[in-house]
Amino acid sequence: MAETITRRAYLLAAIRAAGRPVRTGDAERLLAASPWSCHRNTARKDLRGLARAGHLAVIVDVDDRHTYILPTRTGDL
């Protein structure tokens, strides 16, 4: 039986493969290549969820823009 992957797991794998910080627009583009439909709010929620779970770290700049990076210690979903 094939292993099923969630939208968030797909996004995390795509972020790891990209190897660079991402913002909401970047996540939206990464998810556009996935089997799930994705809009900006969905990408934003997925990034926040991955950060809450410890898979991503968030950097907030002075204009309140969020950039997500891979932490030094990565976990599995």
PDB file of N, CA and C in Angstrom:
ATOM      1  N   MET A   1       0.838  -1.169   0.000  1.00  0.00           N
ATOM      2  CA  MET A   1       0.000   0.000   0.000  1.00  0.00           C
ATOM      3  C   MET A   1       0.889   1.239   0.000  1.00  0.00           C
ATOM      4  N   ALA A   2       0.561   2.182  -0.847  1.00  0.00           N
ATOM      5  CA  ALA A   2       1.351   3.407  -0.942  1.00  0.00           C
ATOM      6  C   ALA A   2       1.103   4.288   0.281  1.00  0.00           C
ATOM      7  N   GLU A   3       2.157   4.927   0.732  1.00  0.00           N
ATOM      8  CA  GLU A   3       2.046   5.823   1.870  1.00  0.00           C
ATOM      9  C   GLU A   3       1.385   7.124   1.415  1.00  0.00           C
ATOM     10  N   THR A   4       0.388   7.572   2.154  1.00  0.00           N
ATOM     11  CA  THR A   4      -0.265   8.828   1.805  1.00  0.00           C
ATOM     12  C   THR A   4       0.470   9.976   2.482  1.00  0.00           C
ATOM     13  N   ILE A   5       0.471  11.115   1.827  1.00  0.00           N
ATOM     14  CA  ILE A   5       1.165  12.269   2.354  1.00  0.00           C
ATOM     15  C   ILE A   5       0.138  13.394   2.533  1.00  0.00           C
ATOM     16  N   THR A   6       0.290  14.127   3.597  1.00  0.00           N
ATOM     17  CA  THR A   6      -0.614  15.240   3.847  1.00  0.00           C
ATOM     18  C   THR A   6      -0.110  16.481   3.109  1.00  0.00           C
ATOM     19  N   ARG A   7      -0.985  17.474   3.008  1.00  0.00           N
ATOM     20  CA  ARG A   7      -0.604  18.722   2.345  1.00  0.00           C
ATOM     21  C   ARG A   7       0.554  19.384   3.092  1.00  0.00           C
ATOM     22  N   ARG A   8       0.497  19.379   4.414  1.00  0.00           N
ATOM     23  CA  ARG A   8       1.582  19.994   5.198  1.00  0.00           C
ATOM     24  C   ARG A   8       2.894  19.236   5.053  1.00  0.00           C
ATOM     25  N   ALA A   9       2.820  17.921   5.007  1.00  0.00           N
ATOM     26  CA  ALA A   9       4.042  17.133   4.818  1.00  0.00           C
ATOM     27  C   ALA A   9       4.630  17.407   3.435  1.00  0.00           C
ATOM     28  N   TYR A  10       3.759  17.541   2.439  1.00  0.00           N
ATOM     29  CA  TYR A  10       4.223  17.875   1.086  1.00  0.00           C
ATOM     30  C   TYR A  10       4.915  19.236   1.096  1.00  0.00           C
ATOM     31  N   LEU A  11       4.279  20.219   1.756  1.00  0.00           N
ATOM     32  CA  LEU A  11       4.858  21.566   1.818  1.00  0.00           C
ATOM     33  C   LEU A  11       6.203  21.546   2.531  1.00  0.00           C
ATOM     34  N   LEU A  12       6.295  20.844   3.643  1.00  0.00           N
ATOM     35  CA  LEU A  12       7.563  20.761   4.377  1.00  0.00           C
ATOM     36  C   LEU A  12       8.651  20.126   3.510  1.00  0.00           C
ATOM     37  N   ALA A  13       8.330  19.066   2.804  1.00  0.00           N
ATOM     38  CA  ALA A  13       9.309  18.420   1.918  1.00  0.00           C
ATOM     39  C   ALA A  13       9.742  19.374   0.811  1.00  0.00           C
ATOM     40  N   ALA A  14       8.809  20.153   0.271  1.00  0.00           N
ATOM     41  CA  ALA A  14       9.146  21.116  -0.782  1.00  0.00           C
ATOM     42  C   ALA A  14      10.029  22.237  -0.231  1.00  0.00           C
ATOM     43  N   ILE A  15       9.766  22.677   0.987  1.00  0.00           N
ATOM     44  CA  ILE A  15      10.595  23.719   1.614  1.00  0.00           C
ATOM     45  C   ILE A  15      12.000  23.181   1.863  1.00  0.00           C
ATOM     46  N   ARG A  16      12.079  21.950   2.353  1.00  0.00           N
ATOM     47  CA  ARG A  16      13.402  21.335   2.579  1.00  0.00           C
ATOM     48  C   ARG A  16      14.161  21.198   1.262  1.00  0.00           C
ATOM     49  N   ALA A  17      13.471  20.810   0.199  1.00  0.00           N
ATOM     50  CA  ALA A  17      14.116  20.654  -1.107  1.00  0.00           C
ATOM     51  C   ALA A  17      14.580  22.000  -1.649  1.00  0.00           C
ATOM     52  N   ALA A  18      13.791  23.046  -1.406  1.00  0.00           N
ATOM     53  CA  ALA A  18      14.174  24.385  -1.873  1.00  0.00           C
ATOM     54  C   ALA A  18      15.385  24.895  -1.110  1.00  0.00           C
ATOM     55  N   GLY A  19      15.458  24.570   0.173  1.00  0.00           N
ATOM     56  CA  GLY A  19      16.622  24.935   0.979  1.00  0.00           C
ATOM     57  C   GLY A  19      16.805  26.425   1.201  1.00  0.00           C
ATOM     58  N   ARG A  20      15.713  27.173   1.175  1.00  0.00           N
ATOM     59  CA  ARG A  20      15.816  28.614   1.399  1.00  0.00           C
ATOM     60  C   ARG A  20      14.604  29.083   2.192  1.00  0.00           C
ATOM     61  N   PRO A  21      14.677  30.261   2.801  1.00  0.00           N
ATOM     62  CA  PRO A  21      13.521  30.781   3.534  1.00  0.00           C
ATOM     63  C   PRO A  21      12.324  30.978   2.609  1.00  0.00           C
ATOM     64  N   VAL A  22      11.121  30.842   3.162  1.00  0.00           N
ATOM     65  CA  VAL A  22       9.905  31.009   2.369  1.00  0.00           C
ATOM     66  C   VAL A  22       8.953  31.974   3.062  1.00  0.00           C
ATOM     67  N   ARG A  23       8.170  32.626   2.250  1.00  0.00           N
ATOM     68  CA  ARG A  23       7.064  33.459   2.722  1.00  0.00           C
ATOM     69  C   ARG A  23       5.786  32.828   2.216  1.00  0.00           C
ATOM     70  N   THR A  24       4.664  33.424   2.545  1.00  0.00           N
ATOM     71  CA  THR A  24       3.378  32.853   2.164  1.00  0.00           C
ATOM     72  C   THR A  24       3.252  32.671   0.656  1.00  0.00           C
ATOM     73  N   GLY A  25       3.661  33.658  -0.118  1.00  0.00           N
ATOM     74  CA  GLY A  25       3.576  33.559  -1.575  1.00  0.00           C
ATOM     75  C   GLY A  25       4.415  32.412  -2.125  1.00  0.00           C
ATOM     76  N   ASP A  26       5.582  32.204  -1.521  1.00  0.00           N
ATOM     77  CA  ASP A  26       6.438  31.090  -1.937  1.00  0.00           C
ATOM     78  C   ASP A  26       5.752  29.754  -1.645  1.00  0.00           C
ATOM     79  N   ALA A  27       5.158  29.654  -0.459  1.00  0.00           N
ATOM     80  CA  ALA A  27       4.461  28.421  -0.087  1.00  0.00           C
ATOM     81  C   ALA A  27       3.277  28.167  -1.013  1.00  0.00           C
ATOM     82  N   GLU A  28       2.587  29.235  -1.375  1.00  0.00           N
ATOM     83  CA  GLU A  28       1.458  29.103  -2.293  1.00  0.00           C
ATOM     84  C   GLU A  28       1.919  28.551  -3.643  1.00  0.00           C
ATOM     85  N   ARG A  29       3.056  29.037  -4.139  1.00  0.00           N
ATOM     86  CA  ARG A  29       3.598  28.538  -5.411  1.00  0.00           C
ATOM     87  C   ARG A  29       4.062  27.092  -5.281  1.00  0.00           C
ATOM     88  N   LEU A  30       4.686  26.750  -4.148  1.00  0.00           N
ATOM     89  CA  LEU A  30       5.122  25.364  -3.948  1.00  0.00           C
ATOM     90  C   LEU A  30       3.920  24.421  -3.929  1.00  0.00           C
ATOM     91  N   LEU A  31       2.849  24.832  -3.291  1.00  0.00           N
ATOM     92  CA  LEU A  31       1.656  23.993  -3.217  1.00  0.00           C
ATOM     93  C   LEU A  31       0.879  23.944  -4.524  1.00  0.00           C
ATOM     94  N   ALA A  32       1.120  24.906  -5.404  1.00  0.00           N
ATOM     95  CA  ALA A  32       0.445  24.891  -6.706  1.00  0.00           C
ATOM     96  C   ALA A  32       0.843  23.659  -7.514  1.00  0.00           C
ATOM     97  N   ALA A  33       2.022  23.117  -7.241  1.00  0.00           N
ATOM     98  CA  ALA A  33       2.491  21.919  -7.943  1.00  0.00           C
ATOM     99  C   ALA A  33       2.021  20.631  -7.262  1.00  0.00           C
ATOM    100  N   SER A  34       1.238  20.776  -6.192  1.00  0.00           N
ATOM    101  CA  SER A  34       0.782  19.610  -5.439  1.00  0.00           C
ATOM    102  C   SER A  34      -0.592  19.152  -5.926  1.00  0.00           C
ATOM    103  N   PRO A  35      -1.039  18.004  -5.449  1.00  0.00           N
ATOM    104  CA  PRO A  35      -2.370  17.528  -5.829  1.00  0.00           C
ATOM    105  C   PRO A  35      -3.516  18.297  -5.150  1.00  0.00           C
ATOM    106  N   TRP A  36      -3.203  19.175  -4.192  1.00  0.00           N
ATOM    107  CA  TRP A  36      -4.224  19.917  -3.460  1.00  0.00           C
ATOM    108  C   TRP A  36      -4.362  21.315  -4.033  1.00  0.00           C
ATOM    109  N   SER A  37      -5.597  21.824  -4.011  1.00  0.00           N
ATOM    110  CA  SER A  37      -5.759  23.223  -4.381  1.00  0.00           C
ATOM    111  C   SER A  37      -5.324  24.059  -3.186  1.00  0.00           C
ATOM    112  N   CYS A  38      -4.733  25.167  -3.443  1.00  0.00           N
ATOM    113  CA  CYS A  38      -4.211  25.967  -2.345  1.00  0.00           C
ATOM    114  C   CYS A  38      -4.351  27.439  -2.674  1.00  0.00           C
ATOM    115  N   HIS A  39      -4.808  28.161  -1.701  1.00  0.00           N
ATOM    116  CA  HIS A  39      -4.886  29.606  -1.813  1.00  0.00           C
ATOM    117  C   HIS A  39      -4.017  30.213  -0.722  1.00  0.00           C
ATOM    118  N   ARG A  40      -3.864  31.498  -0.765  1.00  0.00           N
ATOM    119  CA  ARG A  40      -2.954  32.201   0.133  1.00  0.00           C
ATOM    120  C   ARG A  40      -3.239  31.912   1.609  1.00  0.00           C
ATOM    121  N   ASN A  41      -4.502  31.931   2.002  1.00  0.00           N
ATOM    122  CA  ASN A  41      -4.830  31.708   3.403  1.00  0.00           C
ATOM    123  C   ASN A  41      -4.486  30.285   3.839  1.00  0.00           C
ATOM    124  N   THR A  42      -4.689  29.308   2.962  1.00  0.00           N
ATOM    125  CA  THR A  42      -4.335  27.927   3.273  1.00  0.00           C
ATOM    126  C   THR A  42      -2.830  27.795   3.453  1.00  0.00           C
ATOM    127  N   ALA A  43      -2.062  28.419   2.565  1.00  0.00           N
ATOM    128  CA  ALA A  43      -0.598  28.388   2.685  1.00  0.00           C
ATOM    129  C   ALA A  43      -0.158  29.029   3.991  1.00  0.00           C
ATOM    130  N   ARG A  44      -0.778  30.145   4.352  1.00  0.00           N
ATOM    131  CA  ARG A  44      -0.437  30.845   5.594  1.00  0.00           C
ATOM    132  C   ARG A  44      -0.715  29.955   6.801  1.00  0.00           C
ATOM    133  N   LYS A  45      -1.874  29.304   6.811  1.00  0.00           N
ATOM    134  CA  LYS A  45      -2.227  28.415   7.927  1.00  0.00           C
ATOM    135  C   LYS A  45      -1.287  27.218   8.006  1.00  0.00           C
ATOM    136  N   ASP A  46      -0.924  26.664   6.860  1.00  0.00           N
ATOM    137  CA  ASP A  46       0.004  25.531   6.856  1.00  0.00           C
ATOM    138  C   ASP A  46       1.373  25.938   7.395  1.00  0.00           C
ATOM    139  N   LEU A  47       1.863  27.101   6.992  1.00  0.00           N
ATOM    140  CA  LEU A  47       3.154  27.571   7.501  1.00  0.00           C
ATOM    141  C   LEU A  47       3.098  27.775   9.011  1.00  0.00           C
ATOM    142  N   ARG A  48       2.022  28.390   9.489  1.00  0.00           N
ATOM    143  CA  ARG A  48       1.866  28.588  10.938  1.00  0.00           C
ATOM    144  C   ARG A  48       1.804  27.250  11.667  1.00  0.00           C
ATOM    145  N   GLY A  49       1.082  26.288  11.107  1.00  0.00           N
ATOM    146  CA  GLY A  49       0.980  24.973  11.729  1.00  0.00           C
ATOM    147  C   GLY A  49       2.316  24.255  11.785  1.00  0.00           C
ATOM    148  N   LEU A  50       3.089  24.351  10.712  1.00  0.00           N
ATOM    149  CA  LEU A  50       4.421  23.731  10.702  1.00  0.00           C
ATOM    150  C   LEU A  50       5.354  24.410  11.704  1.00  0.00           C
ATOM    151  N   ALA A  51       5.208  25.718  11.859  1.00  0.00           N
ATOM    152  CA  ALA A  51       6.018  26.442  12.843  1.00  0.00           C
ATOM    153  C   ALA A  51       5.610  26.044  14.263  1.00  0.00           C
ATOM    154  N   ARG A  52       4.312  25.941  14.521  1.00  0.00           N
ATOM    155  CA  ARG A  52       3.835  25.528  15.846  1.00  0.00           C
ATOM    156  C   ARG A  52       4.335  24.135  16.204  1.00  0.00           C
ATOM    157  N   ALA A  53       4.410  23.265  15.210  1.00  0.00           N
ATOM    158  CA  ALA A  53       4.876  21.890  15.444  1.00  0.00           C
ATOM    159  C   ALA A  53       6.400  21.808  15.564  1.00  0.00           C
ATOM    160  N   GLY A  54       7.082  22.920  15.330  1.00  0.00           N
ATOM    161  CA  GLY A  54       8.538  22.936  15.475  1.00  0.00           C
ATOM    162  C   GLY A  54       9.304  22.573  14.218  1.00  0.00           C
ATOM    163  N   HIS A  55       8.607  22.409  13.093  1.00  0.00           N
ATOM    164  CA  HIS A  55       9.282  22.042  11.846  1.00  0.00           C
ATOM    165  C   HIS A  55       9.869  23.249  11.133  1.00  0.00           C
ATOM    166  N   LEU A  56       9.340  24.436  11.430  1.00  0.00           N
ATOM    167  CA  LEU A  56       9.844  25.677  10.854  1.00  0.00           C
ATOM    168  C   LEU A  56      10.007  26.697  11.968  1.00  0.00           C
ATOM    169  N   ALA A  57      10.908  27.627  11.759  1.00  0.00           N
ATOM    170  CA  ALA A  57      11.062  28.767  12.665  1.00  0.00           C
ATOM    171  C   ALA A  57      10.588  30.001  11.916  1.00  0.00           C
ATOM    172  N   VAL A  58      10.049  30.954  12.645  1.00  0.00           N
ATOM    173  CA  VAL A  58       9.511  32.148  12.008  1.00  0.00           C
ATOM    174  C   VAL A  58      10.336  33.368  12.392  1.00  0.00           C
ATOM    175  N   ILE A  59      10.573  34.209  11.404  1.00  0.00           N
ATOM    176  CA  ILE A  59      11.251  35.487  11.605  1.00  0.00           C
ATOM    177  C   ILE A  59      10.252  36.565  11.204  1.00  0.00           C
ATOM    178  N   VAL A  60      10.016  37.514  12.099  1.00  0.00           N
ATOM    179  CA  VAL A  60       9.096  38.612  11.817  1.00  0.00           C
ATOM    180  C   VAL A  60       9.923  39.876  11.684  1.00  0.00           C
ATOM    181  N   ASP A  61       9.791  40.565  10.537  1.00  0.00           N
ATOM    182  CA  ASP A  61      10.574  41.787  10.346  1.00  0.00           C
ATOM    183  C   ASP A  61       9.804  42.999  10.870  1.00  0.00           C
ATOM    184  N   VAL A  62      10.381  44.176  10.732  1.00  0.00           N
ATOM    185  CA  VAL A  62       9.792  45.396  11.295  1.00  0.00           C
ATOM    186  C   VAL A  62       8.465  45.758  10.646  1.00  0.00           C
ATOM    187  N   ASP A  63       8.203  45.284   9.440  1.00  0.00           N
ATOM    188  CA  ASP A  63       6.930  45.544   8.766  1.00  0.00           C
ATOM    189  C   ASP A  63       5.912  44.444   9.032  1.00  0.00           C
ATOM    190  N   ASP A  64       6.194  43.589  10.030  1.00  0.00           N
ATOM    191  CA  ASP A  64       5.319  42.485  10.427  1.00  0.00           C
ATOM    192  C   ASP A  64       5.150  41.433   9.333  1.00  0.00           C
ATOM    193  N   ARG A  65       6.149  41.296   8.463  1.00  0.00           N
ATOM    194  CA  ARG A  65       6.140  40.229   7.456  1.00  0.00           C
ATOM    195  C   ARG A  65       6.808  39.001   8.054  1.00  0.00           C
ATOM    196  N   HIS A  66       6.237  37.849   7.797  1.00  0.00           N
ATOM    197  CA  HIS A  66       6.745  36.590   8.347  1.00  0.00           C
ATOM    198  C   HIS A  66       7.543  35.832   7.291  1.00  0.00           C
ATOM    199  N   THR A  67       8.723  35.403   7.696  1.00  0.00           N
ATOM    200  CA  THR A  67       9.559  34.553   6.859  1.00  0.00           C
ATOM    201  C   THR A  67       9.815  33.278   7.645  1.00  0.00           C
ATOM    202  N   TYR A  68       9.651  32.154   6.989  1.00  0.00           N
ATOM    203  CA  TYR A  68       9.804  30.855   7.649  1.00  0.00           C
ATOM    204  C   TYR A  68      11.090  30.191   7.176  1.00  0.00           C
ATOM    205  N   ILE A  69      11.845  29.664   8.139  1.00  0.00           N
ATOM    206  CA  ILE A  69      13.108  28.994   7.840  1.00  0.00           C
ATOM    207  C   ILE A  69      13.112  27.623   8.509  1.00  0.00           C
ATOM    208  N   LEU A  70      13.980  26.769   8.012  1.00  0.00           N
ATOM    209  CA  LEU A  70      14.163  25.473   8.654  1.00  0.00           C
ATOM    210  C   LEU A  70      14.993  25.686   9.911  1.00  0.00           C
ATOM    211  N   PRO A  71      14.574  25.140  11.033  1.00  0.00           N
ATOM    212  CA  PRO A  71      15.379  25.285  12.263  1.00  0.00           C
ATOM    213  C   PRO A  71      16.638  24.437  12.142  1.00  0.00           C
ATOM    214  N   THR A  72      17.569  24.660  13.047  1.00  0.00           N
ATOM    215  CA  THR A  72      18.811  23.883  13.007  1.00  0.00           C
ATOM    216  C   THR A  72      18.548  22.420  13.299  1.00  0.00           C
ATOM    217  N   ARG A  73      17.544  22.132  14.122  1.00  0.00           N
ATOM    218  CA  ARG A  73      17.151  20.753  14.394  1.00  0.00           C
ATOM    219  C   ARG A  73      15.823  20.523  13.704  1.00  0.00           C
ATOM    220  N   THR A  74      15.806  19.622  12.720  1.00  0.00           N
ATOM    221  CA  THR A  74      14.565  19.344  11.992  1.00  0.00           C
ATOM    222  C   THR A  74      13.923  18.079  12.541  1.00  0.00           C
ATOM    223  N   GLY A  75      12.618  18.083  12.600  1.00  0.00           N
ATOM    224  CA  GLY A  75      11.873  16.906  13.046  1.00  0.00           C
ATOM    225  C   GLY A  75      11.108  16.293  11.898  1.00  0.00           C
ATOM    226  N   ASP A  76      10.588  15.147  12.141  1.00  0.00           N
ATOM    227  CA  ASP A  76       9.770  14.474  11.126  1.00  0.00           C
ATOM    228  C   ASP A  76       8.308  14.688  11.451  1.00  0.00           C
ATOM    229  N   LEU A  77       7.498  14.662  10.415  1.00  0.00           N
ATOM    230  CA  LEU A  77       6.050  14.784  10.634  1.00  0.00           C
ATOM    231  C   LEU A  77       5.460  13.494  11.125  1.00  0.00           C
TER     232      LEU A  77
END
